[in-house]
Amino acid sequence: MDQILRDLGALLLKAVPTFLLVGLLYFYLKRMFFRPLDRVLEARQAATEGARQAAGETLAKAAEKTAQCEAALRAARAEIYREQERLRQQWRQEQAAAVEEARRKAHEMLGEAEVRLHTELVEAKHDMEWGAELLATVIAERVLARRVM
């Protein structure tokens, strides 16, 4: 067993420089490679996070502007609809006034036509009475003239 311990001690003694070199290599790499790499990665992470925050803020502003534009668009549409409704109402009133005016004129024309028709009827009756009297006179004269002959 002593031999094994001596061999093991010799082996450990030969391994000490390897352990020291590995330790030195670890500290050297940690200081010269991994620390700058960690700083670069942290700066990259910060820049990425800053870009994400800026993009998020930009998206929020864009969403806000979009909402404002949509609200303005809705208000403009509502105003257009109100204006269209006002114009429709005005057109309906104008149309109703035009229909009422046409009714009034038609009623006046009907009254005038009735007056003319009545006048023409009276004249026609008068002409017929005069014509009937004239015809009766002519007939009577001819009938009497035949008897006389």
Protein backbone atom coordinates (compact mmCIF):
# COMPACT_ATOMS: atom_id res chain seq x y z
CA MET A 1 0.00 0.00 0.00
CA ASP A 2 2.94 2.25 0.60
CA GLN A 3 3.96 1.77 -2.97
CA ILE A 4 0.55 2.83 -4.17
CA LEU A 5 0.63 5.91 -1.97
CA ARG A 6 4.10 6.81 -3.16
CA ASP A 7 3.06 6.33 -6.77
CA LEU A 8 -0.05 8.34 -6.13
CA GLY A 9 2.00 11.11 -4.46
CA ALA A 10 4.43 11.15 -7.39
CA LEU A 11 1.54 11.29 -9.79
CA LEU A 12 -0.02 14.15 -7.85
CA LEU A 13 3.28 15.91 -7.74
CA LYS A 14 3.57 15.64 -11.51
CA ALA A 15 -0.08 16.82 -11.86
CA VAL A 16 0.42 19.97 -9.74
CA PRO A 17 1.96 21.97 -12.59
CA THR A 18 -0.95 20.90 -14.83
CA PHE A 19 -3.44 22.02 -12.19
CA LEU A 20 -1.60 25.31 -11.80
CA LEU A 21 -1.52 25.82 -15.57
CA VAL A 22 -5.23 25.00 -15.84
CA GLY A 23 -5.97 27.38 -12.94
CA LEU A 24 -3.85 30.12 -14.51
CA LEU A 25 -5.51 29.48 -17.86
CA TYR A 26 -8.93 29.72 -16.19
CA PHE A 27 -8.13 33.06 -14.53
CA TYR A 28 -6.42 34.39 -17.67
CA LEU A 29 -9.40 33.45 -19.90
CA LYS A 30 -11.85 34.75 -17.35
CA ARG A 31 -10.09 38.09 -17.14
CA MET A 32 -9.02 38.53 -20.74
CA PHE A 33 -11.84 36.83 -22.66
CA PHE A 34 -14.97 36.20 -20.64
CA ARG A 35 -15.17 39.59 -18.84
CA PRO A 36 -14.95 41.61 -22.10
CA LEU A 37 -17.31 39.11 -23.69
CA ASP A 38 -19.75 39.55 -20.78
CA ARG A 39 -19.47 43.35 -21.13
CA VAL A 40 -20.15 43.12 -24.87
CA LEU A 41 -23.09 40.80 -24.25
CA GLU A 42 -24.47 43.11 -21.56
CA ALA A 43 -24.08 46.13 -23.87
CA ARG A 44 -25.77 44.16 -26.63
CA GLN A 45 -28.55 43.14 -24.26
CA ALA A 46 -28.98 46.76 -23.13
CA ALA A 47 -29.01 47.98 -26.73
CA THR A 48 -31.49 45.29 -27.70
CA GLU A 49 -33.69 46.06 -24.72
CA GLY A 50 -33.46 49.78 -25.50
CA ALA A 51 -34.42 49.10 -29.10
CA ARG A 52 -37.31 46.97 -27.89
CA GLN A 53 -38.46 49.72 -25.57
CA ALA A 54 -38.14 52.29 -28.35
CA ALA A 55 -40.08 50.00 -30.69
CA GLY A 56 -42.73 49.49 -27.99
CA GLU A 57 -43.01 53.25 -27.47
CA THR A 58 -43.20 53.79 -31.22
CA LEU A 59 -45.91 51.14 -31.48
CA ALA A 60 -47.81 52.76 -28.63
CA LYS A 61 -47.54 56.17 -30.30
CA ALA A 62 -48.62 54.67 -33.61
CA ALA A 63 -51.57 52.97 -31.93
CA GLU A 64 -52.50 56.26 -30.26
CA LYS A 65 -52.27 58.15 -33.56
CA THR A 66 -54.26 55.41 -35.27
CA ALA A 67 -56.93 55.70 -32.60
CA GLN A 68 -56.96 59.49 -33.03
CA CYS A 69 -57.23 59.15 -36.81
CA GLU A 70 -60.04 56.61 -36.46
CA ALA A 71 -61.85 58.89 -34.04
CA ALA A 72 -61.44 61.82 -36.42
CA LEU A 73 -62.63 59.61 -39.28
CA ARG A 74 -65.69 58.52 -37.28
CA ALA A 75 -66.42 62.15 -36.43
CA ALA A 76 -66.05 63.16 -40.08
CA ARG A 77 -68.33 60.31 -41.16
CA ALA A 78 -70.89 61.31 -38.55
CA GLU A 79 -70.72 64.91 -39.78
CA ILE A 80 -71.17 63.74 -43.37
CA TYR A 81 -74.15 61.60 -42.35
CA ARG A 82 -75.68 64.54 -40.48
CA GLU A 83 -75.14 66.79 -43.51
CA GLN A 84 -76.65 64.17 -45.82
CA GLU A 85 -79.65 63.80 -43.51
CA ARG A 86 -80.06 67.58 -43.39
CA LEU A 87 -79.93 67.73 -47.19
CA ARG A 88 -82.44 64.87 -47.47
CA GLN A 89 -84.74 66.67 -45.08
CA GLN A 90 -84.35 69.90 -47.08
CA TRP A 91 -85.05 68.04 -50.33
CA ARG A 92 -88.12 66.42 -48.80
CA GLN A 93 -89.39 69.83 -47.70
CA GLU A 94 -88.70 71.29 -51.13
CA GLN A 95 -90.41 68.32 -52.76
CA ALA A 96 -93.39 68.64 -50.42
CA ALA A 97 -93.57 72.37 -51.21
CA ALA A 98 -93.36 71.62 -54.94
CA VAL A 99 -96.10 68.99 -54.64
CA GLU A 100 -98.25 71.41 -52.66
CA GLU A 101 -97.65 74.14 -55.25
CA ALA A 102 -98.55 71.69 -58.05
CA ARG A 103 -101.74 70.74 -56.16
CA ARG A 104 -102.61 74.38 -55.70
CA LYS A 105 -102.03 75.15 -59.38
CA ALA A 106 -104.00 72.07 -60.40
CA HIS A 107 -106.83 73.14 -58.12
CA GLU A 108 -106.73 76.65 -59.61
CA MET A 109 -106.67 75.22 -63.13
CA LEU A 110 -109.57 72.94 -62.24
CA GLY A 111 -111.52 75.93 -60.91
CA GLU A 112 -110.74 77.93 -64.03
CA ALA A 113 -111.73 74.98 -66.22
CA GLU A 114 -115.01 74.63 -64.31
CA VAL A 115 -115.72 78.34 -64.79
CA ARG A 116 -114.90 78.11 -68.52
CA LEU A 117 -116.96 74.94 -68.88
CA HIS A 118 -119.88 76.57 -67.11
CA THR A 119 -119.54 79.65 -69.31
CA GLU A 120 -119.33 77.53 -72.44
CA LEU A 121 -122.35 75.51 -71.25
CA VAL A 122 -124.35 78.68 -70.69
CA GLU A 123 -123.30 79.99 -74.13
CA ALA A 124 -124.10 76.64 -75.74
CA LYS A 125 -127.53 76.60 -74.08
CA HIS A 126 -128.11 80.15 -75.21
CA ASP A 127 -126.96 79.31 -78.75
CA MET A 128 -129.14 76.22 -78.75
CA GLU A 129 -132.14 78.17 -77.52
CA TRP A 130 -131.55 80.87 -80.11
CA GLY A 131 -130.93 78.22 -82.78
CA ALA A 132 -134.03 76.32 -81.68
CA GLU A 133 -136.12 79.47 -81.85
CA LEU A 134 -134.68 80.32 -85.24
CA LEU A 135 -135.24 76.79 -86.46
CA ALA A 136 -138.74 76.81 -85.04
CA THR A 137 -139.41 80.11 -86.82
CA VAL A 138 -138.06 78.80 -90.11
CA ILE A 139 -140.05 75.59 -89.81
CA ALA A 140 -143.18 77.49 -88.88
CA GLU A 141 -142.74 79.86 -91.81
CA ARG A 142 -142.28 77.01 -94.26
CA VAL A 143 -145.15 75.03 -92.92
CA LEU A 144 -147.34 78.11 -93.04
CA ALA A 145 -145.99 79.03 -96.44
CA ARG A 146 -147.07 75.67 -97.83
CA ARG A 147 -150.52 76.08 -96.52
CA VAL A 148 -150.77 79.46 -98.03
CA MET A 149 -149.72 78.27 -101.42
